[in-house]
N, C-alpha and C. Protein backbone atom coordinates (compact mmCIF):
# COMPACT_ATOMS: atom_id res chain seq x y z
N MET A 1 0.72 -1.38 -0.31
CA MET A 1 0.13 0.02 -0.06
C MET A 1 1.07 1.15 -0.25
N ASP A 2 0.65 2.20 -1.07
CA ASP A 2 1.43 3.24 -1.14
C ASP A 2 1.12 4.16 0.00
N ARG A 3 1.90 5.49 0.46
CA ARG A 3 1.65 6.04 1.14
C ARG A 3 0.44 6.99 1.18
N ARG A 4 0.01 7.45 -0.32
CA ARG A 4 -1.08 8.23 0.12
C ARG A 4 -2.35 7.15 -0.02
N SER A 5 -2.55 6.21 -0.22
CA SER A 5 -3.54 5.15 0.27
C SER A 5 -3.74 4.98 1.73
N LEU A 6 -2.52 5.29 2.66
CA LEU A 6 -2.37 4.93 4.06
C LEU A 6 -2.92 6.04 4.77
N PHE A 7 -2.52 7.29 4.15
CA PHE A 7 -2.94 8.60 4.59
C PHE A 7 -4.50 8.48 4.65
N ILE A 8 -5.13 8.41 3.33
CA ILE A 8 -6.55 8.56 3.07
C ILE A 8 -7.08 7.40 4.04
N LEU A 9 -6.45 6.36 4.30
CA LEU A 9 -7.23 5.45 5.44
C LEU A 9 -6.99 5.98 6.64
N VAL A 10 -5.99 6.25 6.80
CA VAL A 10 -5.72 7.13 8.51
C VAL A 10 -6.94 8.47 8.76
N VAL A 11 -6.80 8.91 7.70
CA VAL A 11 -8.02 10.20 7.95
C VAL A 11 -9.22 9.69 7.91
N LEU A 12 -9.58 8.85 7.10
CA LEU A 12 -11.30 8.17 7.09
C LEU A 12 -11.09 7.35 8.37
N PHE A 13 -10.20 6.63 8.76
CA PHE A 13 -10.36 6.15 10.19
C PHE A 13 -10.71 7.07 11.31
N LEU A 14 -9.73 8.18 11.32
CA LEU A 14 -9.89 9.36 12.49
C LEU A 14 -11.28 9.69 12.18
N LEU A 15 -11.81 10.19 11.05
CA LEU A 15 -13.34 10.68 10.94
C LEU A 15 -14.15 9.95 11.38
N TRP A 16 -13.99 8.61 11.14
CA TRP A 16 -15.14 7.79 11.76
C TRP A 16 -15.22 7.56 13.12
N GLU A 17 -13.63 7.55 13.75
CA GLU A 17 -13.77 7.27 15.24
C GLU A 17 -14.57 8.43 15.88
N SER A 18 -13.85 9.61 15.49
CA SER A 18 -14.38 10.79 15.92
C SER A 18 -15.72 11.30 15.89
N ALA A 19 -16.31 11.01 14.87
CA ALA A 19 -17.73 11.41 14.64
C ALA A 19 -18.74 10.36 15.48
N PRO A 20 -20.04 10.93 15.87
CA PRO A 20 -20.90 10.33 16.38
C PRO A 20 -21.58 9.14 15.69
N PRO A 21 -22.49 8.02 15.93
CA PRO A 21 -22.93 7.19 15.11
C PRO A 21 -23.98 8.10 14.34
N LEU A 22 -23.94 7.46 12.97
CA LEU A 22 -24.59 8.05 11.88
C LEU A 22 -26.09 8.11 12.51
N GLN A 23 -26.71 9.21 12.53
CA GLN A 23 -28.18 9.28 12.93
C GLN A 23 -28.55 10.22 11.86
N VAL A 24 -29.89 10.47 12.35
CA VAL A 24 -31.00 11.33 11.25
C VAL A 24 -30.32 12.71 11.70
N HIS A 25 -30.16 13.80 10.81
CA HIS A 25 -29.49 14.76 10.74
C HIS A 25 -30.43 15.80 9.77
N ALA A 26 -30.79 16.94 10.00
CA ALA A 26 -31.42 17.79 9.26
C ALA A 26 -30.60 18.13 7.85
N LEU A 27 -31.36 18.19 6.86
CA LEU A 27 -30.43 18.55 5.36
C LEU A 27 -31.82 19.20 4.47
N ASN A 28 -31.04 20.33 3.91
CA ASN A 28 -32.05 20.78 3.06
C ASN A 28 -33.12 19.94 2.23
N SER A 29 -34.48 20.40 2.45
CA SER A 29 -35.19 19.28 1.56
C SER A 29 -35.00 19.45 0.27
N THR A 30 -34.47 20.37 -0.15
CA THR A 30 -34.11 20.46 -1.74
C THR A 30 -33.30 19.52 -1.89
N ASP A 31 -32.28 19.20 -1.24
CA ASP A 31 -31.32 18.31 -1.67
C ASP A 31 -31.97 16.94 -1.74
N VAL A 32 -32.76 16.40 -0.78
CA VAL A 32 -33.51 15.33 -0.76
C VAL A 32 -34.21 15.04 -2.42
N GLN A 33 -34.62 15.98 -2.06
CA GLN A 33 -35.70 15.87 -3.62
C GLN A 33 -34.74 16.07 -4.71
N ALA A 34 -33.87 16.73 -4.94
CA ALA A 34 -33.00 16.45 -5.91
C ALA A 34 -32.32 15.09 -6.04
N ALA A 35 -32.15 14.83 -4.87
CA ALA A 35 -31.88 12.89 -4.70
C ALA A 35 -32.51 12.40 -5.29
N VAL A 36 -33.91 12.47 -4.62
CA VAL A 36 -35.03 11.77 -5.29
C VAL A 36 -35.15 11.67 -6.77
N THR A 37 -35.26 12.97 -7.24
CA THR A 37 -35.41 13.01 -8.51
C THR A 37 -34.39 12.43 -9.41
N ASP A 38 -32.84 12.34 -8.80
CA ASP A 38 -32.04 11.51 -9.48
C ASP A 38 -32.11 10.42 -9.53
N MET A 39 -32.60 9.39 -8.51
CA MET A 39 -32.60 8.33 -8.50
C MET A 39 -33.93 8.08 -9.63
N ARG A 40 -35.09 8.31 -9.37
CA ARG A 40 -36.09 8.11 -10.11
C ARG A 40 -35.43 8.24 -11.73
N SER A 41 -34.77 9.16 -12.16
CA SER A 41 -34.37 9.30 -13.55
C SER A 41 -33.51 8.01 -14.03
N LYS A 42 -32.93 7.23 -12.94
CA LYS A 42 -32.30 5.97 -13.54
C LYS A 42 -33.05 5.08 -12.89
N SER A 43 -34.22 5.02 -12.45
CA SER A 43 -34.99 3.98 -12.44
C SER A 43 -34.71 3.04 -11.05
N TYR A 44 -34.40 3.92 -10.10
CA TYR A 44 -34.03 3.33 -8.77
C TYR A 44 -35.64 3.88 -7.89
N TYR A 45 -36.46 3.41 -8.24
CA TYR A 45 -37.99 3.89 -7.76
C TYR A 45 -37.96 3.40 -6.28
N GLY A 46 -37.76 1.96 -6.14
CA GLY A 46 -38.02 1.22 -4.66
C GLY A 46 -37.09 2.15 -3.63
N PHE A 47 -35.89 2.65 -3.87
CA PHE A 47 -34.89 3.10 -3.00
C PHE A 47 -35.45 4.61 -2.63
N ALA A 48 -35.86 5.20 -3.79
CA ALA A 48 -36.48 6.62 -3.69
C ALA A 48 -37.65 6.62 -2.70
N ILE A 49 -38.73 5.79 -2.89
CA ILE A 49 -39.82 5.67 -2.20
C ILE A 49 -38.87 5.27 -0.70
N LEU A 50 -38.17 4.82 -0.23
CA LEU A 50 -37.95 4.25 0.88
C LEU A 50 -37.32 5.75 1.50
N LEU A 51 -36.68 6.32 0.85
CA LEU A 51 -36.03 7.41 1.35
C LEU A 51 -37.25 8.71 1.50
N GLN A 52 -38.24 8.48 1.05
CA GLN A 52 -39.33 9.47 1.24
C GLN A 52 -40.14 8.89 2.11
N MET A 53 -40.15 7.60 2.68
CA MET A 53 -41.19 7.19 3.54
C MET A 53 -40.18 7.73 4.86
N LEU A 54 -38.82 7.20 5.00
CA LEU A 54 -38.22 7.76 6.24
C LEU A 54 -38.10 9.38 6.20
N ASN A 55 -38.17 10.24 4.97
CA ASN A 55 -38.52 11.70 5.22
C ASN A 55 -39.50 12.11 5.68
N ALA A 56 -40.72 11.24 5.58
CA ALA A 56 -42.12 11.53 6.12
C ALA A 56 -41.88 11.33 7.54
N THR A 57 -41.13 10.29 8.15
CA THR A 57 -41.26 10.40 9.74
C THR A 57 -40.14 10.71 10.45
N SER A 58 -39.16 11.29 9.81
CA SER A 58 -38.04 12.01 10.47
C SER A 58 -37.46 12.93 9.67
N GLN A 59 -36.20 13.57 10.05
CA GLN A 59 -35.40 14.29 8.91
C GLN A 59 -34.70 13.70 8.36
N PRO A 60 -34.41 14.26 7.01
CA PRO A 60 -33.14 13.81 6.27
C PRO A 60 -32.10 13.28 6.61
N TYR A 61 -31.12 12.67 6.08
CA TYR A 61 -29.89 12.32 6.69
C TYR A 61 -28.78 13.62 6.14
N ARG A 62 -28.14 13.46 7.27
CA ARG A 62 -26.98 14.52 6.44
C ARG A 62 -26.35 14.20 5.16
N THR A 63 -25.52 14.92 5.06
CA THR A 63 -24.42 14.33 3.70
C THR A 63 -23.87 12.82 3.50
N LEU A 64 -24.16 12.20 2.59
CA LEU A 64 -23.68 10.75 2.72
C LEU A 64 -23.76 9.89 1.31
N THR A 65 -23.05 9.19 1.10
CA THR A 65 -23.42 8.29 -0.19
C THR A 65 -24.30 7.19 0.07
N PHE A 66 -25.39 6.93 -0.59
CA PHE A 66 -25.99 5.72 -0.80
C PHE A 66 -25.70 4.79 -1.74
N LEU A 67 -25.94 3.82 -1.37
CA LEU A 67 -25.69 2.09 -2.29
C LEU A 67 -26.73 1.50 -2.23
N MET A 68 -27.49 1.97 -3.49
CA MET A 68 -28.75 1.66 -3.94
C MET A 68 -28.94 0.04 -4.58
N PRO A 69 -29.50 -0.62 -3.93
CA PRO A 69 -30.02 -1.86 -4.75
C PRO A 69 -31.19 -1.71 -5.79
N SER A 70 -30.70 -2.21 -6.86
CA SER A 70 -32.15 -2.35 -7.77
C SER A 70 -33.55 -2.77 -6.90
N ASP A 71 -34.33 -2.43 -7.96
CA ASP A 71 -35.89 -2.40 -7.35
C ASP A 71 -36.03 -4.01 -7.29
N SER A 72 -35.85 -4.61 -8.29
CA SER A 72 -35.66 -6.33 -8.19
C SER A 72 -35.23 -6.76 -6.64
N GLU A 73 -34.04 -6.50 -6.39
CA GLU A 73 -33.26 -6.78 -5.20
C GLU A 73 -34.20 -6.42 -4.15
N LEU A 74 -34.58 -5.09 -4.07
CA LEU A 74 -35.37 -4.54 -2.91
C LEU A 74 -36.51 -5.40 -2.78
N SER A 75 -37.10 -5.62 -3.76
CA SER A 75 -38.68 -6.32 -3.71
C SER A 75 -38.08 -8.01 -3.36
N ALA A 76 -37.01 -8.32 -3.49
CA ALA A 76 -36.61 -9.86 -2.97
C ALA A 76 -36.20 -9.62 -1.31
N SER A 77 -36.13 -8.40 -0.93
CA SER A 77 -35.44 -8.16 0.54
C SER A 77 -36.76 -7.78 1.24
N PRO A 78 -37.18 -8.68 2.74
CA PRO A 78 -37.98 -8.24 3.65
C PRO A 78 -37.85 -6.97 4.53
N ILE A 79 -38.09 -5.81 3.90
CA ILE A 79 -37.73 -4.69 4.73
C ILE A 79 -39.16 -4.33 5.56
N SER A 80 -38.95 -4.12 6.74
CA SER A 80 -40.05 -3.80 7.58
C SER A 80 -40.25 -2.32 7.85
N ILE A 81 -41.11 -1.42 8.16
CA ILE A 81 -41.09 -0.17 8.07
C ILE A 81 -40.34 -0.01 9.72
N ASP A 82 -40.40 -0.76 10.66
CA ASP A 82 -39.75 -0.80 11.86
C ASP A 82 -38.50 -0.68 11.73
N HIS A 83 -37.52 -1.17 10.34
CA HIS A 83 -36.20 -1.06 10.33
C HIS A 83 -35.67 -0.64 8.94
N LEU A 84 -36.47 0.32 8.57
CA LEU A 84 -36.37 1.40 7.32
C LEU A 84 -35.22 2.28 7.60
N GLU A 85 -34.92 2.64 8.90
CA GLU A 85 -33.94 3.46 8.90
C GLU A 85 -32.61 2.98 8.49
N ASP A 86 -32.70 1.55 9.45
CA ASP A 86 -31.63 0.51 9.91
C ASP A 86 -31.22 0.52 8.68
N PHE A 87 -31.99 -0.12 7.52
CA PHE A 87 -32.03 -0.74 6.41
C PHE A 87 -31.16 0.53 5.46
N LEU A 88 -31.55 1.56 5.52
CA LEU A 88 -31.18 2.81 4.49
C LEU A 88 -29.40 2.92 5.06
N ILE A 89 -29.36 3.03 6.68
CA ILE A 89 -28.13 3.48 6.52
C ILE A 89 -27.01 2.37 6.44
N SER A 90 -27.35 1.06 6.63
CA SER A 90 -26.71 0.17 6.04
C SER A 90 -26.34 0.16 4.72
N HIS A 91 -26.65 0.77 3.93
CA HIS A 91 -26.76 1.03 2.65
C HIS A 91 -26.32 2.53 2.21
N ALA A 92 -25.31 2.99 3.28
CA ALA A 92 -24.76 4.49 3.11
C ALA A 92 -23.39 4.37 4.01
N VAL A 93 -22.50 5.53 3.34
CA VAL A 93 -21.27 5.80 3.72
C VAL A 93 -21.48 7.20 4.19
N PRO A 94 -21.19 7.32 5.37
CA PRO A 94 -21.44 9.07 6.09
C PRO A 94 -20.50 9.94 5.68
N MET A 95 -20.35 10.00 4.00
CA MET A 95 -19.91 10.90 3.51
C MET A 95 -19.80 10.72 2.03
N PRO A 96 -20.20 12.25 1.15
CA PRO A 96 -20.66 12.13 -0.18
C PRO A 96 -19.12 11.84 -0.88
N LEU A 97 -19.39 10.64 -1.49
CA LEU A 97 -18.13 10.06 -2.30
C LEU A 97 -18.84 9.86 -3.95
N LEU A 98 -18.43 10.21 -4.87
CA LEU A 98 -18.59 9.86 -6.27
C LEU A 98 -17.76 8.92 -6.44
N LEU A 99 -18.02 8.05 -7.91
CA LEU A 99 -17.07 7.04 -7.93
C LEU A 99 -15.41 7.06 -8.11
N ASN A 100 -15.06 8.14 -8.73
CA ASN A 100 -13.96 8.65 -8.65
C ASN A 100 -12.86 8.77 -7.35
N ASP A 101 -13.85 8.88 -6.19
CA ASP A 101 -13.49 9.29 -4.96
C ASP A 101 -13.32 7.43 -4.34
N PHE A 102 -14.05 6.71 -4.41
CA PHE A 102 -13.95 5.59 -4.42
C PHE A 102 -12.70 4.70 -4.94
N LEU A 103 -12.66 5.27 -5.89
CA LEU A 103 -11.39 4.57 -7.05
C LEU A 103 -9.90 5.16 -6.36
N HIS A 104 -10.08 5.53 -5.39
CA HIS A 104 -8.58 5.87 -4.68
C HIS A 104 -8.52 4.78 -3.56
N PHE A 105 -9.52 4.06 -3.28
CA PHE A 105 -9.18 2.92 -2.14
C PHE A 105 -8.89 1.70 -3.03
N PRO A 106 -7.70 1.43 -2.56
CA PRO A 106 -7.05 0.06 -2.88
C PRO A 106 -7.89 -0.94 -2.35
N THR A 107 -7.96 -2.24 -3.00
CA THR A 107 -8.56 -3.20 -2.74
C THR A 107 -8.33 -3.76 -1.22
N GLY A 108 -9.03 -4.12 -0.55
CA GLY A 108 -8.85 -4.31 0.98
C GLY A 108 -9.07 -3.59 1.73
N SER A 109 -9.34 -2.17 1.38
CA SER A 109 -9.84 -0.87 2.05
C SER A 109 -11.05 -1.42 3.02
N LEU A 110 -11.00 -0.74 3.95
CA LEU A 110 -12.18 -0.91 5.14
C LEU A 110 -12.84 0.69 5.05
N ILE A 111 -13.86 1.01 4.77
CA ILE A 111 -15.05 2.43 5.15
C ILE A 111 -15.78 2.09 6.00
N PRO A 112 -16.10 3.29 6.81
CA PRO A 112 -17.21 3.00 7.52
C PRO A 112 -18.46 3.18 6.78
N SER A 113 -19.52 2.44 7.39
CA SER A 113 -20.84 2.44 6.77
C SER A 113 -21.52 3.38 7.79
N GLY A 114 -22.81 3.39 7.50
CA GLY A 114 -23.72 4.20 8.38
C GLY A 114 -24.12 3.34 9.65
N VAL A 115 -23.72 2.24 9.76
CA VAL A 115 -24.03 1.37 11.35
C VAL A 115 -22.76 1.25 11.80
N GLU A 116 -23.12 1.67 13.03
CA GLU A 116 -21.82 1.75 13.95
C GLU A 116 -21.42 0.46 14.22
N ASN A 117 -19.87 0.43 13.76
CA ASN A 117 -19.22 -0.96 14.13
C ASN A 117 -19.37 -1.73 12.86
N LYS A 118 -19.88 -1.42 11.59
CA LYS A 118 -19.63 -2.03 10.69
C LYS A 118 -18.90 -1.37 9.62
N MET A 119 -18.26 -2.25 8.74
CA MET A 119 -17.42 -1.59 7.75
C MET A 119 -17.68 -2.19 6.50
N ILE A 120 -17.43 -1.18 5.38
CA ILE A 120 -17.69 -1.63 3.95
C ILE A 120 -16.18 -2.22 3.69
N ARG A 121 -16.15 -3.32 2.82
CA ARG A 121 -14.88 -3.68 2.30
C ARG A 121 -14.83 -3.43 0.71
N ILE A 122 -13.67 -2.54 0.34
CA ILE A 122 -13.10 -2.64 -0.97
C ILE A 122 -12.86 -3.17 -1.90
N ASN A 123 -13.20 -3.77 -3.11
CA ASN A 123 -12.61 -4.37 -3.82
C ASN A 123 -12.51 -3.80 -5.31
N ASN A 124 -11.43 -3.14 -5.19
CA ASN A 124 -11.02 -2.30 -6.47
C ASN A 124 -10.66 -2.82 -7.46
N ARG A 125 -11.06 -3.39 -8.63
CA ARG A 125 -10.82 -3.70 -9.94
C ARG A 125 -10.78 -2.56 -11.08
N GLY A 126 -11.12 -1.74 -10.75
CA GLY A 126 -11.21 -0.61 -11.74
C GLY A 126 -12.49 -0.23 -11.97
N ARG A 127 -12.97 0.75 -12.72
CA ARG A 127 -14.26 1.63 -12.92
C ARG A 127 -15.29 0.24 -13.27
N ALA A 128 -15.11 -0.46 -14.33
CA ALA A 128 -15.95 -1.38 -14.39
C ALA A 128 -16.54 -2.82 -13.79
N ASN A 129 -15.70 -2.36 -12.62
CA ASN A 129 -15.59 -4.18 -11.54
C ASN A 129 -15.14 -3.37 -10.38
N PHE A 130 -16.40 -2.34 -9.81
CA PHE A 130 -15.76 -2.12 -8.38
C PHE A 130 -16.99 -2.62 -7.48
N VAL A 131 -16.50 -3.06 -6.17
CA VAL A 131 -17.25 -4.34 -5.52
C VAL A 131 -17.18 -3.40 -3.96
N VAL A 132 -18.51 -3.27 -3.49
CA VAL A 132 -18.65 -2.61 -2.15
C VAL A 132 -18.92 -3.75 -1.26
N ASN A 133 -18.64 -4.73 -0.14
CA ASN A 133 -19.05 -6.01 0.30
C ASN A 133 -19.39 -7.00 -0.66
N ASN A 134 -20.41 -7.26 -0.91
CA ASN A 134 -20.79 -8.34 -2.04
C ASN A 134 -21.45 -7.86 -2.87
N ALA A 135 -21.55 -6.32 -3.08
CA ALA A 135 -22.09 -5.78 -4.21
C ALA A 135 -21.49 -5.05 -5.20
N HIS A 136 -21.57 -5.25 -6.26
CA HIS A 136 -20.96 -4.35 -7.52
C HIS A 136 -21.56 -3.09 -7.74
N ILE A 137 -20.90 -1.99 -8.25
CA ILE A 137 -21.81 -0.73 -8.28
C ILE A 137 -21.93 -0.67 -9.89
N VAL A 138 -22.93 -0.98 -10.07
CA VAL A 138 -23.37 -0.97 -11.52
C VAL A 138 -23.72 0.07 -12.22
N THR A 139 -24.41 1.24 -11.67
CA THR A 139 -24.79 2.69 -11.90
C THR A 139 -24.14 3.77 -11.25
N PRO A 140 -22.64 4.29 -11.40
CA PRO A 140 -22.22 5.13 -10.72
C PRO A 140 -22.73 6.57 -10.92
N ASN A 141 -22.39 7.43 -9.64
CA ASN A 141 -22.81 8.90 -9.87
C ASN A 141 -24.23 9.29 -10.37
N ILE A 142 -25.32 8.34 -9.74
CA ILE A 142 -26.67 8.76 -10.12
C ILE A 142 -26.95 10.08 -9.56
N CYS A 143 -26.95 10.74 -8.21
CA CYS A 143 -27.14 11.75 -7.62
C CYS A 143 -26.22 12.61 -7.72
N GLN A 144 -26.25 13.51 -8.66
CA GLN A 144 -25.32 14.82 -9.20
C GLN A 144 -25.88 16.22 -8.75
N ASN A 145 -27.27 16.38 -8.49
CA ASN A 145 -27.35 17.58 -8.20
C ASN A 145 -27.81 18.08 -6.59
N SER A 146 -27.19 16.92 -5.74
CA SER A 146 -27.47 17.31 -4.31
C SER A 146 -25.94 16.94 -3.46
N TYR A 147 -26.08 17.19 -2.12
CA TYR A 147 -25.05 16.75 -1.34
C TYR A 147 -25.19 15.57 -0.96
N ILE A 148 -26.24 15.07 -1.20
CA ILE A 148 -26.30 13.38 -1.14
C ILE A 148 -26.07 12.90 -2.70
N LYS A 149 -25.00 11.58 -2.42
CA LYS A 149 -24.26 11.05 -3.37
C LYS A 149 -25.04 9.56 -3.46
N CYS A 150 -24.91 8.91 -4.39
CA CYS A 150 -25.66 7.69 -4.86
C CYS A 150 -25.24 6.79 -5.72
N HIS A 151 -25.20 5.55 -5.81
CA HIS A 151 -24.59 4.77 -6.64
C HIS A 151 -25.76 3.31 -6.73
N GLY A 152 -25.70 2.95 -8.27
CA GLY A 152 -26.44 1.60 -7.80
C GLY A 152 -25.71 0.42 -7.84
N ILE A 153 -26.44 -0.35 -7.18
CA ILE A 153 -25.73 -1.68 -6.86
C ILE A 153 -26.44 -2.74 -7.29
N ASP A 154 -25.97 -4.11 -7.46
CA ASP A 154 -26.75 -5.00 -7.87
C ASP A 154 -26.93 -6.15 -6.58
N ALA A 155 -26.99 -5.71 -5.65
CA ALA A 155 -27.45 -6.65 -4.53
C ALA A 155 -27.60 -5.96 -3.03
N VAL A 156 -28.11 -6.29 -2.28
CA VAL A 156 -28.57 -6.00 -0.95
C VAL A 156 -27.28 -6.00 -0.16
N ILE A 157 -26.64 -5.19 0.31
CA ILE A 157 -25.13 -5.05 1.32
C ILE A 157 -25.55 -6.22 2.20
N LYS A 158 -24.52 -6.96 2.40
CA LYS A 158 -24.11 -7.87 3.67
C LYS A 158 -22.78 -7.73 4.19
N TYR A 159 -22.97 -8.01 5.49
CA TYR A 159 -21.77 -7.60 6.06
C TYR A 159 -20.98 -8.99 6.72
N ASP A 160 -19.96 -8.94 7.06
CA ASP A 160 -19.08 -10.17 7.18
C ASP A 160 -19.66 -11.28 7.85
N ASN A 161 -20.79 -11.00 8.63
CA ASN A 161 -21.49 -12.17 9.44
C ASN A 161 -22.48 -12.78 8.61
N GLY A 162 -22.70 -12.22 7.28
CA GLY A 162 -23.63 -13.09 6.33
C GLY A 162 -24.50 -12.43 6.17
N SER A 163 -25.27 -11.60 7.09
CA SER A 163 -26.49 -11.25 7.40
C SER A 163 -26.62 -9.58 6.58
N SER A 164 -27.59 -9.27 6.10
CA SER A 164 -28.09 -8.10 5.95
C SER A 164 -28.81 -7.54 6.69
N ILE A 165 -29.16 -6.17 6.83
CA ILE A 165 -29.73 -5.50 7.79
C ILE A 165 -31.46 -5.35 7.16
N SER A 166 -32.22 -6.00 6.66
CA SER A 166 -33.41 -5.71 6.22
C SER A 166 -34.67 -6.12 7.10
N SER A 167 -34.56 -6.76 7.92
CA SER A 167 -35.83 -7.33 8.94
C SER A 167 -35.75 -6.52 10.06
């Protein structure tokens, strides 16, 4: 691992350790609406609906990056209303990252997820084959018009213990 990559990992770790667990924080509703519009423009209707459901019951999230499973993956995942927030933050990174930002992380890097004490493992095989835990990023940089960033993925995120946060 070169020095630049090590420096990035150390900075991310220090930010993660010093930050409180990801919780719902106020964000300009215009940003949420812009992100939802961007999600819909690329046919991520299910994730947009989940975000709007959460937005109706609480304040939207602070700036972050969502990793959005496709509608077919969401429909196969048992997401209860009681665990909606948990599901969404399990598919989030607590900082806004475009694909070019992700590409700076070497394979094997661990970055914080929105879930306390859960990390996302990076497998960087380049722009066309970038994997977060068990999911490939298939549609990068969907959310372009807000502080919220999002990328389409091909699976519901699973963590090392093999379970996803969906029920």
